[in-house]
Structure formats: C-alpha cells, structure tokens
Amino acid sequence: MGLFRHSVQEVQLTTRDVEQTAKHAPWSLWADPFGRLAIRALQIILVVTVAAAVIFAIQSLTVVTIPLVLALIFASAFSPAMRWMRRHGVPDLVATLITLLIIVVLLGAVGWLIVWAVRDQWSDLYAQAEEGVQQFLAWVNTLPFAPTQDQIDDWLAALGDFVTSSQFGSGAIAGVSAVASFVTGFVLLVVILFFFLKDGPRMWEFLLRPFRGSHYERGRRIGDKTVTVLGAYVRGTATVALVDAVGILIGLLILQVPLAIPLAVLVFLLAFIPIVGATLAGVLAALVALVANGWVNALFVVGVVVLVNQLEGNFLQPFLMGRSMKLHAFVILVALTIGTVVGGIVGAVLAVPIAATVWGIVQVWDGPNSPARWARPKPAESRA
C-alpha cells in the first residue's frame, strides 16, 4: 500500500513538473490571448502579402490574364450551346468552330455598332454633355451653400493642368501603342477560347488529378459552379443591358432627345458595370436632354432611366440570373473599387462576375447544397 502511495506521489510530482515546464516553455508565449492575437496578425500579414503578390502579377501580365479571364467567361456563357451540339452528335471540332465563329461575329457586331453610333455624333454628344455640366454648375451657384466661382475656376484649372501635363501626355502616347497590345490580346483571347470550348472539361479534369476523395469532389463542384455562375451572369447581364438600352432608347425617342442612339449604345455598354454604370448613363442622358429640351424634359429622362432600372432590377434580373447570385450592393461597390484600382475599366467590368463566382464557390464548398461552415446561416436567420 505504501509503495502504491509513493508511486502516485511520484506521478503527481511528474505531472506538476511537466505543467510548470510547459508554462515556462517558449511556445507557451503564443498560448495566451496576446499570443493568439499575434498569430492572427501574422496570418493576416501573410494573406495580405500573398494577395499583393497576386495583384502585382495580374497587373504585370494583363496581356495574358485579361484574355484568359475573358475566354473563361465567354466559354462559360456558351457552354450550354456546346453541350447541346455534343448531345446531338456534332463533333467537338465542328461545334467549337461554330461557337467560336458566333462569338467573334457578336463581338464584331457590337464593335461595329459602337463605331457606327458614335463616329459622327461623339463630338456633339461631348459638347452637349459639357454644356449641360455648365448649366448645372450655374444652377448650383444660385444655392446659398454653393462654392464660389474662384473655387470652380481652380478646380477646372487643376483638371486642365493634369490634361496638359507630361503624365497625361505620356499616358496618351502609351494609349497609341496599346493598339498593338489590344491586337495581341484579342488573338490570344481567340486561341485560349478555342481550347476552353473544345477541351475545357478535360483540362479541368487534368488539373484535378492530384486530388482524391472529398477534395476531388469539391474540385468538381468548384468547376461546375464557376461555369454555371459565370455563364448565367454574362447571359443575364447581356440580356438586361439590351433591354435597358432598348427601353431607354424608346423613352428618348418619345421625348425627342437628340443623340438617342449613341446614348442607348452607352447605356448598353455601361450596364455591364452594376450600379455605377446605370447612374453614369442616366446622368449623361439627362445632361443632353437638359441642353436640348430644358429642365422639364431632363426630369422626364431621369424618370425613364429610373423606371427602366427599377423594372430590370426587381423583375428581369432576378428572373434571368436568380436571386442566389445576387450580391449585396455594398459587396458590389467594394468589388468595383478593387477591380477599378487593379484593372481600370476592364477590372470594373470583370470585378462583379468574379465576386459572384467566388460567392457561388462558397455556397458549394462542403456539398452540392452545403455552404462553407462560416457562411451557413444561423437558425434565426433561416427562419427570418
């Protein structure tokens, strides 16, 4: 019995010594609240560093990354057509060439429409928009809290100095050389798109070869969801943009606003930039109406723009794209800001579909209908 007590005491002493040693071990400094905060800070720094490196790589290789993303978007948008032709026995090569030809023709038609609508009337559109801004500033000057004329002149002078500066000039010169980059990017886009259309599923299966079990199934879900979300987003946005352009064109023609066709073309293009694009199109149309037809007509134009945007936002867009892909306005604005900073106009256009795709992937992370654990709604949210 005494031997048993002696053994128990030795075990207790040993356990106590281990605990005391653990408290004074170097790694124990990371176990207290401040240590855990330091670990989280280091993790955040690492994530930010990786994100900065990715952004730097994207900005340095835009000639490759932008055609790659655009090719993925177009391939996803036309994937239903490819599947339909394959189901009906059309050979892969023939189906790919037909789809690729359709995409190139559509892009060429949109480009021709832009040139045709804007070529002869762009100077008039710019002049009327500028005059509308001047009239708006004149009305602002009548308000009690309006800026002084000296302040407005200083702002305009600063803008003029920037336009005539060497920085802006070098950018304009670089814009001339960008034609060669555009041609290179377009050719690369067509080549990548050809392979995505023809061998996209097989290429993704090749990338998933190292994975097994649940990781492989997750990779399959990510690929399927990416194609589904991108395709639905692009098809829905293009349809919404066309309906917006036609609706606003009809309103402008009824109100006898000049330059209605160029304005409708701009509405179609700007509709691919959510929230901001519709606002810019409405402001421009209202400025032209203000100069040509006066305040009352400009207010009617604003009403038409708001009505069309509300109809497509509340009825057409949810029907075409589904509410599951609808992002919060705050998320859209953040994505637009990041996309514009990283990639300019092209980044602004691509930011929202990429954000929608990321959210779609989160929704199938743990299963076909099972979001990632952190993204699952709480029971109270589910009942709300």
Protein backbone atom coordinates (compact mmCIF):
# COMPACT_ATOMS: atom_id res chain seq x y z
CA MET A 1 0.00 0.00 0.00
CA GLY A 2 2.80 2.38 0.91
CA LEU A 3 4.53 1.56 -2.32
CA PHE A 4 1.31 2.45 -4.22
CA ARG A 5 1.06 5.87 -2.44
CA HIS A 6 4.69 6.53 -3.22
CA SER A 7 4.08 5.77 -6.91
CA VAL A 8 1.03 8.06 -7.01
CA GLN A 9 3.00 10.89 -5.42
CA GLU A 10 5.77 10.44 -7.96
CA VAL A 11 3.22 10.60 -10.80
CA GLN A 12 1.67 13.76 -9.33
CA LEU A 13 5.08 15.37 -8.95
CA THR A 14 5.96 14.44 -12.52
CA THR A 15 2.69 15.89 -13.86
CA ARG A 16 3.20 19.07 -11.84
CA ASP A 17 6.74 19.39 -13.15
CA VAL A 18 5.52 18.98 -16.73
CA GLU A 19 2.87 21.66 -16.22
CA GLN A 20 5.40 24.04 -14.69
CA THR A 21 7.83 23.35 -17.51
CA ALA A 22 5.08 23.90 -20.08
CA LYS A 23 4.19 27.25 -18.55
CA HIS A 24 7.76 28.42 -18.96
CA ALA A 25 8.35 26.85 -22.39
CA PRO A 26 9.00 29.36 -25.22
CA TRP A 27 5.97 28.26 -27.25
CA SER A 28 3.68 28.93 -24.27
CA LEU A 29 4.01 32.64 -25.04
CA TRP A 30 1.77 32.06 -28.05
CA ALA A 31 -0.97 30.38 -25.97
CA ASP A 32 -2.22 33.43 -24.06
CA PRO A 33 -4.69 35.95 -25.59
CA PHE A 34 -1.95 38.32 -26.71
CA GLY A 35 -0.07 35.42 -28.33
CA ARG A 36 -3.17 34.31 -30.21
CA LEU A 37 -3.67 37.92 -31.37
CA ALA A 38 -0.08 37.95 -32.62
CA ILE A 39 -0.66 34.70 -34.52
CA ARG A 40 -3.76 36.16 -36.16
CA ALA A 41 -1.83 39.32 -37.06
CA LEU A 42 0.92 37.27 -38.68
CA GLN A 43 -1.67 35.26 -40.61
CA ILE A 44 -3.31 38.47 -41.84
CA ILE A 45 0.06 39.88 -42.89
CA LEU A 46 0.81 36.67 -44.79
CA VAL A 47 -2.58 36.72 -46.55
CA VAL A 48 -2.20 40.39 -47.47
CA THR A 49 1.32 39.74 -48.80
CA VAL A 50 0.12 36.85 -50.97
CA ALA A 51 -2.82 38.93 -52.22
CA ALA A 52 -0.48 41.83 -53.06
CA ALA A 53 1.82 39.45 -54.94
CA VAL A 54 -1.14 38.06 -56.91
CA ILE A 55 -2.37 41.56 -57.76
CA PHE A 56 1.12 42.60 -58.83
CA ALA A 57 1.38 39.53 -61.06
CA ILE A 58 -2.03 40.26 -62.59
CA GLN A 59 -1.10 43.89 -63.29
CA SER A 60 2.23 42.85 -64.78
CA LEU A 61 0.68 40.19 -67.03
CA THR A 62 -2.57 41.84 -68.12
CA VAL A 63 -1.87 40.87 -71.72
CA VAL A 64 -2.28 37.26 -70.58
CA THR A 65 -4.59 37.42 -67.55
CA ILE A 66 -7.33 39.56 -69.13
CA PRO A 67 -7.69 37.36 -72.28
CA LEU A 68 -7.61 34.30 -70.00
CA VAL A 69 -10.45 35.56 -67.81
CA LEU A 70 -12.46 36.82 -70.80
CA ALA A 71 -12.02 33.47 -72.55
CA LEU A 72 -13.26 31.66 -69.44
CA ILE A 73 -16.30 33.98 -69.26
CA PHE A 74 -17.20 33.52 -72.94
CA ALA A 75 -16.67 29.76 -72.75
CA SER A 76 -18.94 29.59 -69.69
CA ALA A 77 -21.60 31.73 -71.38
CA PHE A 78 -21.71 29.45 -74.44
CA SER A 79 -21.26 26.15 -72.61
CA PRO A 80 -24.99 25.28 -72.96
CA ALA A 81 -24.68 25.62 -76.75
CA MET A 82 -21.61 23.37 -76.75
CA ARG A 83 -23.39 20.74 -74.63
CA TRP A 84 -26.44 20.87 -76.91
CA MET A 85 -24.36 20.31 -80.04
CA ARG A 86 -22.41 17.47 -78.41
CA ARG A 87 -25.65 15.76 -77.34
CA HIS A 88 -26.86 15.93 -80.95
CA GLY A 89 -23.73 14.27 -82.32
CA VAL A 90 -21.85 17.31 -83.60
CA PRO A 91 -18.08 16.61 -83.50
CA ASP A 92 -16.13 18.62 -80.92
CA LEU A 93 -14.04 20.45 -83.51
CA VAL A 94 -17.05 21.46 -85.61
CA ALA A 95 -19.02 22.57 -82.53
CA THR A 96 -16.05 24.57 -81.30
CA LEU A 97 -15.54 26.33 -84.63
CA ILE A 98 -19.24 27.17 -84.93
CA THR A 99 -19.38 28.59 -81.40
CA LEU A 100 -16.12 30.49 -81.84
CA LEU A 101 -17.37 31.99 -85.10
CA ILE A 102 -20.61 33.09 -83.41
CA ILE A 103 -18.68 34.75 -80.57
CA VAL A 104 -16.32 36.59 -82.94
CA VAL A 105 -19.27 37.76 -85.07
CA LEU A 106 -21.13 39.01 -82.00
CA LEU A 107 -18.08 40.89 -80.74
CA GLY A 108 -17.51 42.36 -84.18
CA ALA A 109 -21.18 43.39 -84.44
CA VAL A 110 -21.04 45.15 -81.06
CA GLY A 111 -17.82 46.92 -82.05
CA TRP A 112 -19.30 48.00 -85.39
CA LEU A 113 -22.45 49.26 -83.66
CA ILE A 114 -20.38 51.35 -81.27
CA VAL A 115 -18.32 52.86 -84.10
CA TRP A 116 -21.40 53.48 -86.26
CA ALA A 117 -23.40 55.10 -83.47
CA VAL A 118 -20.63 57.25 -82.05
CA ARG A 119 -18.39 58.00 -85.04
CA ASP A 120 -20.30 61.00 -86.42
CA GLN A 121 -22.04 62.15 -83.25
CA TRP A 122 -19.44 61.77 -80.50
CA SER A 123 -18.31 65.41 -80.74
CA ASP A 124 -21.93 66.62 -80.49
CA LEU A 125 -22.56 64.29 -77.55
CA TYR A 126 -19.47 65.55 -75.76
CA ALA A 127 -20.32 69.20 -76.46
CA GLN A 128 -23.89 68.86 -75.20
CA ALA A 129 -22.78 66.96 -72.09
CA GLU A 130 -20.21 69.69 -71.38
CA GLU A 131 -22.81 72.41 -71.85
CA GLY A 132 -25.15 70.52 -69.55
CA VAL A 133 -22.46 70.45 -66.87
CA GLN A 134 -22.01 74.22 -67.25
CA GLN A 135 -25.75 74.79 -66.86
CA PHE A 136 -25.81 72.55 -63.81
CA LEU A 137 -22.91 74.48 -62.27
CA ALA A 138 -24.71 77.74 -63.00
CA TRP A 139 -27.75 76.43 -61.12
CA VAL A 140 -25.54 75.28 -58.24
CA ASN A 141 -24.13 78.81 -57.98
CA THR A 142 -27.61 80.06 -57.11
CA LEU A 143 -27.70 77.93 -53.95
CA PRO A 144 -26.76 79.53 -50.62
CA PHE A 145 -24.08 76.90 -49.89
CA ALA A 146 -22.64 76.85 -53.42
CA PRO A 147 -18.88 77.03 -53.99
CA THR A 148 -17.52 80.33 -55.20
CA GLN A 149 -16.64 80.95 -58.82
CA ASP A 150 -12.96 81.16 -57.83
CA GLN A 151 -13.13 77.65 -56.36
CA ILE A 152 -14.77 76.28 -59.50
CA ASP A 153 -12.15 78.01 -61.66
CA ASP A 154 -9.39 76.49 -59.53
CA TRP A 155 -10.88 73.00 -59.94
CA LEU A 156 -11.18 73.41 -63.70
CA ALA A 157 -7.64 74.82 -63.88
CA ALA A 158 -6.30 71.82 -61.93
CA LEU A 159 -8.11 69.48 -64.31
CA GLY A 160 -6.68 71.38 -67.28
CA ASP A 161 -3.18 71.23 -65.83
CA PHE A 162 -3.47 67.47 -65.45
CA VAL A 163 -4.72 67.04 -69.02
CA THR A 164 -1.82 69.08 -70.38
CA SER A 165 0.76 67.53 -68.02
CA SER A 166 3.51 65.20 -69.15
CA GLN A 167 1.95 62.40 -67.10
CA PHE A 168 -1.30 62.58 -69.06
CA GLY A 169 0.58 63.06 -72.30
CA SER A 170 2.71 60.01 -71.74
CA GLY A 171 -0.43 58.05 -70.98
CA ALA A 172 -1.97 59.25 -74.22
CA ILE A 173 1.15 58.24 -76.14
CA ALA A 174 1.07 54.88 -74.42
CA GLY A 175 -2.55 54.60 -75.49
CA VAL A 176 -1.46 54.74 -79.12
CA SER A 177 0.91 51.82 -78.60
CA ALA A 178 -1.90 49.99 -76.78
CA VAL A 179 -3.41 49.15 -80.17
CA ALA A 180 -0.69 46.55 -80.67
CA SER A 181 -1.38 45.15 -77.19
CA PHE A 182 -5.09 45.01 -77.99
CA VAL A 183 -4.48 43.04 -81.19
CA THR A 184 -2.14 40.68 -79.35
CA GLY A 185 -4.64 40.22 -76.53
CA PHE A 186 -7.51 39.61 -78.96
CA VAL A 187 -5.58 36.94 -80.85
CA LEU A 188 -4.61 35.32 -77.55
CA LEU A 189 -8.25 35.50 -76.44
CA VAL A 190 -9.43 33.67 -79.56
CA VAL A 191 -6.77 30.95 -79.16
CA ILE A 192 -7.48 30.39 -75.45
CA LEU A 193 -11.22 30.45 -76.09
CA PHE A 194 -10.84 27.77 -78.77
CA PHE A 195 -9.16 25.40 -76.33
CA PHE A 196 -11.59 26.22 -73.50
CA LEU A 197 -14.56 25.47 -75.74
CA LYS A 198 -13.08 22.29 -77.16
CA ASP A 199 -11.26 20.78 -74.18
CA GLY A 200 -12.39 22.80 -71.13
CA PRO A 201 -13.84 19.87 -69.12
CA ARG A 202 -10.83 17.66 -69.91
CA MET A 203 -8.42 20.44 -68.94
CA TRP A 204 -10.15 20.82 -65.57
CA GLU A 205 -10.08 17.05 -65.02
CA PHE A 206 -6.34 17.12 -65.70
CA LEU A 207 -5.86 19.80 -63.03
CA LEU A 208 -7.84 17.69 -60.54
CA ARG A 209 -5.69 14.56 -60.97
CA PRO A 210 -3.63 15.10 -57.77
CA PHE A 211 -6.81 15.19 -55.63
CA ARG A 212 -8.68 12.24 -54.18
CA GLY A 213 -11.92 11.62 -52.32
CA SER A 214 -13.73 14.62 -50.89
CA HIS A 215 -11.09 17.02 -52.23
CA TYR A 216 -11.68 15.75 -55.75
CA GLU A 217 -15.46 16.08 -55.37
CA ARG A 218 -15.01 19.63 -54.08
CA GLY A 219 -12.87 20.44 -57.13
CA ARG A 220 -15.59 19.09 -59.41
CA ARG A 221 -18.20 21.23 -57.66
CA ILE A 222 -15.98 24.32 -57.93
CA GLY A 223 -15.52 23.81 -61.67
CA ASP A 224 -19.21 23.21 -62.32
CA LYS A 225 -20.28 26.14 -60.17
CA THR A 226 -17.78 28.50 -61.81
CA VAL A 227 -19.08 27.68 -65.28
CA THR A 228 -22.71 27.92 -64.12
CA VAL A 229 -22.35 31.25 -62.33
CA LEU A 230 -20.20 32.93 -64.97
CA GLY A 231 -22.42 31.71 -67.77
CA ALA A 232 -25.66 32.75 -66.10
CA TYR A 233 -24.19 36.10 -65.04
CA VAL A 234 -22.92 37.00 -68.51
CA ARG A 235 -26.04 35.85 -70.34
CA GLY A 236 -28.29 37.59 -67.84
CA THR A 237 -26.27 40.82 -67.82
CA ALA A 238 -26.15 40.96 -71.63
CA THR A 239 -29.91 40.46 -71.83
CA VAL A 240 -30.54 43.07 -69.13
CA ALA A 241 -28.19 45.52 -70.89
CA LEU A 242 -30.02 45.03 -74.18
CA VAL A 243 -33.42 45.53 -72.55
CA ASP A 244 -32.15 48.64 -70.73
CA ALA A 245 -30.76 50.10 -73.93
CA VAL A 246 -33.95 49.43 -75.92
CA GLY A 247 -36.21 50.74 -73.15
CA ILE A 248 -34.22 53.95 -72.66
CA LEU A 249 -33.91 54.38 -76.45
CA ILE A 250 -37.70 54.24 -76.78
CA GLY A 251 -38.07 56.78 -73.96
CA LEU A 252 -35.51 59.14 -75.50
CA LEU A 253 -37.18 58.92 -78.91
CA ILE A 254 -40.60 59.67 -77.41
CA LEU A 255 -39.16 62.65 -75.54
CA GLN A 256 -37.36 63.74 -78.74
CA VAL A 257 -33.96 63.86 -77.07
CA PRO A 258 -31.18 64.22 -79.66
CA LEU A 259 -28.36 61.68 -79.94
CA ALA A 260 -30.71 58.95 -78.73
CA ILE A 261 -28.86 56.10 -80.49
CA PRO A 262 -25.39 56.96 -79.12
CA LEU A 263 -26.89 57.33 -75.66
CA ALA A 264 -28.59 53.92 -75.97
CA VAL A 265 -25.29 52.34 -77.05
CA LEU A 266 -23.58 53.85 -73.99
CA VAL A 267 -26.41 52.54 -71.81
CA PHE A 268 -25.80 49.04 -73.19
CA LEU A 269 -22.06 49.23 -72.52
CA LEU A 270 -22.32 50.82 -69.08
CA ALA A 271 -24.92 48.26 -67.98
CA PHE A 272 -22.05 45.77 -67.60
CA ILE A 273 -20.83 47.91 -64.67
CA PRO A 274 -23.53 47.43 -61.99
CA ILE A 275 -24.92 50.43 -60.08
CA VAL A 276 -22.27 52.88 -61.29
CA GLY A 277 -22.90 52.25 -65.00
CA ALA A 278 -26.63 52.90 -64.79
CA THR A 279 -26.01 56.09 -62.83
CA LEU A 280 -23.48 57.41 -65.36
CA ALA A 281 -25.77 56.60 -68.29
CA GLY A 282 -28.70 58.35 -66.62
CA VAL A 283 -26.65 61.44 -65.80
CA LEU A 284 -25.33 61.71 -69.36
CA ALA A 285 -28.79 61.31 -70.90
CA ALA A 286 -30.21 63.90 -68.51
CA LEU A 287 -27.44 66.40 -69.35
CA VAL A 288 -28.10 66.06 -73.09
CA ALA A 289 -31.84 66.49 -72.53
CA LEU A 290 -31.16 69.50 -70.30
CA VAL A 291 -29.24 71.29 -73.04
CA ALA A 292 -31.54 70.32 -75.89
CA ASN A 293 -35.01 70.44 -74.35
CA GLY A 294 -34.80 72.10 -70.93
CA TRP A 295 -35.34 71.16 -67.30
CA VAL A 296 -38.74 69.50 -67.65
CA ASN A 297 -37.57 67.18 -70.40
CA ALA A 298 -34.42 66.33 -68.43
CA LEU A 299 -36.55 65.36 -65.42
CA PHE A 300 -38.67 63.12 -67.64
CA VAL A 301 -35.48 61.46 -68.92
CA VAL A 302 -34.36 60.84 -65.33
CA GLY A 303 -37.77 59.31 -64.64
CA VAL A 304 -37.47 57.00 -67.66
CA VAL A 305 -33.98 55.87 -66.60
CA VAL A 306 -35.09 55.22 -63.02
CA LEU A 307 -38.21 53.34 -64.19
CA VAL A 308 -36.25 51.09 -66.58
CA ASN A 309 -33.58 50.37 -63.96
CA GLN A 310 -36.20 49.51 -61.34
CA LEU A 311 -38.03 47.17 -63.68
CA GLU A 312 -34.88 45.29 -64.66
CA GLY A 313 -33.52 45.25 -61.11
CA ASN A 314 -36.70 43.95 -59.45
CA PHE A 315 -38.14 41.70 -62.15
CA LEU A 316 -35.90 40.94 -65.11
CA GLN A 317 -32.55 40.46 -63.37
CA PRO A 318 -33.82 38.05 -60.64
CA PHE A 319 -35.69 36.05 -63.30
CA LEU A 320 -32.67 35.72 -65.61
CA MET A 321 -29.87 35.35 -63.09
CA GLY A 322 -31.57 34.01 -59.97
CA ARG A 323 -31.50 35.56 -56.53
CA SER A 324 -28.85 33.09 -55.37
CA MET A 325 -26.26 35.04 -57.39
CA LYS A 326 -27.50 38.44 -56.30
CA LEU A 327 -24.79 40.25 -54.35
CA HIS A 328 -25.35 42.95 -51.78
CA ALA A 329 -24.86 46.49 -53.05
CA PHE A 330 -22.01 47.00 -50.57
CA VAL A 331 -20.18 43.95 -51.92
CA ILE A 332 -20.69 45.19 -55.49
CA LEU A 333 -19.27 48.62 -54.68
CA VAL A 334 -16.24 47.13 -52.92
CA ALA A 335 -15.64 44.74 -55.83
CA LEU A 336 -15.98 47.60 -58.34
CA THR A 337 -13.50 49.71 -56.39
CA ILE A 338 -10.93 46.91 -56.17
CA GLY A 339 -11.43 45.96 -59.81
CA THR A 340 -11.04 49.56 -60.99
CA VAL A 341 -7.85 50.06 -58.96
CA VAL A 342 -6.36 46.79 -60.20
CA GLY A 343 -7.51 46.73 -63.83
CA GLY A 344 -9.15 50.03 -64.75
CA ILE A 345 -12.31 49.83 -66.86
CA VAL A 346 -11.75 46.16 -67.69
CA GLY A 347 -11.27 45.43 -63.99
CA ALA A 348 -14.53 47.21 -63.17
CA VAL A 349 -16.38 45.08 -65.73
CA LEU A 350 -14.84 41.80 -64.51
CA ALA A 351 -14.96 42.51 -60.77
CA VAL A 352 -18.62 41.68 -60.15
CA PRO A 353 -18.78 38.37 -62.09
CA ILE A 354 -15.60 37.26 -60.34
CA ALA A 355 -17.10 38.20 -56.95
CA ALA A 356 -20.31 36.34 -57.84
CA THR A 357 -18.26 33.30 -58.80
CA VAL A 358 -16.34 33.35 -55.51
CA TRP A 359 -19.61 33.53 -53.59
CA GLY A 360 -21.02 30.68 -55.67
CA ILE A 361 -17.99 28.54 -54.81
CA VAL A 362 -18.51 29.29 -51.12
CA GLN A 363 -22.10 28.07 -51.48
CA VAL A 364 -20.97 24.58 -52.62
CA TRP A 365 -17.77 24.27 -50.59
CA ASP A 366 -18.95 21.45 -48.30
CA GLY A 367 -21.52 19.87 -50.62
CA PRO A 368 -23.86 20.50 -53.55
CA ASN A 369 -26.22 22.43 -51.28
CA SER A 370 -23.93 22.95 -48.30
CA PRO A 371 -22.01 26.23 -47.98
CA ALA A 372 -18.74 26.57 -46.14
CA ARG A 373 -19.21 26.32 -42.38
CA TRP A 374 -18.58 30.01 -41.72
CA ALA A 375 -21.10 31.03 -44.44
CA ARG A 376 -24.01 28.95 -43.20
CA PRO A 377 -26.96 30.95 -41.86
CA LYS A 378 -27.85 30.58 -38.20
CA PRO A 379 -31.26 29.06 -37.35
CA ALA A 380 -32.65 32.50 -36.53
CA GLU A 381 -31.53 33.80 -39.94
CA SER A 382 -33.09 30.80 -41.68
CA ARG A 383 -36.46 31.48 -40.06
CA ALA A 384 -36.31 35.21 -40.86
